[in-house]
């Protein structure tokens, strides 16, 4: 099932349409590879030691299990943003489905205005229809968007720490 929501925005004298939709991996993977590289360059830590190398087979397996949801923003067909979540019952609260974001990214060219808000709200609506009780979104401390999350009604719950311990 493909869910679509088309929002028209006015820029100067021309109209630009940004389309928000839920997509399957096959329809987005090639376009996503370009954005993933930009995303990695912008937010990844330890880039000299850890290179981006997605396990696409694992993503396909999760999609087949109904545990992967991909929401996109496309401007005239070009992928400008994605919001990818994993959905499953929480191990502590088995009566509830939780959606935890894996990736969220919006091209810098689309960060002004409401594109990011609309992408998250579209995903939230779809996930709610799917029976999800809780949507969890993490942000990077060095690239935060805490104000946006607060505006959308999210509360800060946890702080994560990481440390590279490889060779």
Foldseek 3Di string as FASTA:
>chain_A
DKDKDWDWDDDDPDIKIKMKMKDDCVVCVVLVVVVVVVVCVPAPDPCVPDPDDDPVVVVVVQVVVVQKIKMFIDIVNHTFWIWIWGWAQDPVGNVAIETETPDTDGHPVPPPDCPSVVNVVVVVVVVVVVRHDYYHYDDHPVGDDVVSCVVVPDDDDDDDDDDDDDD
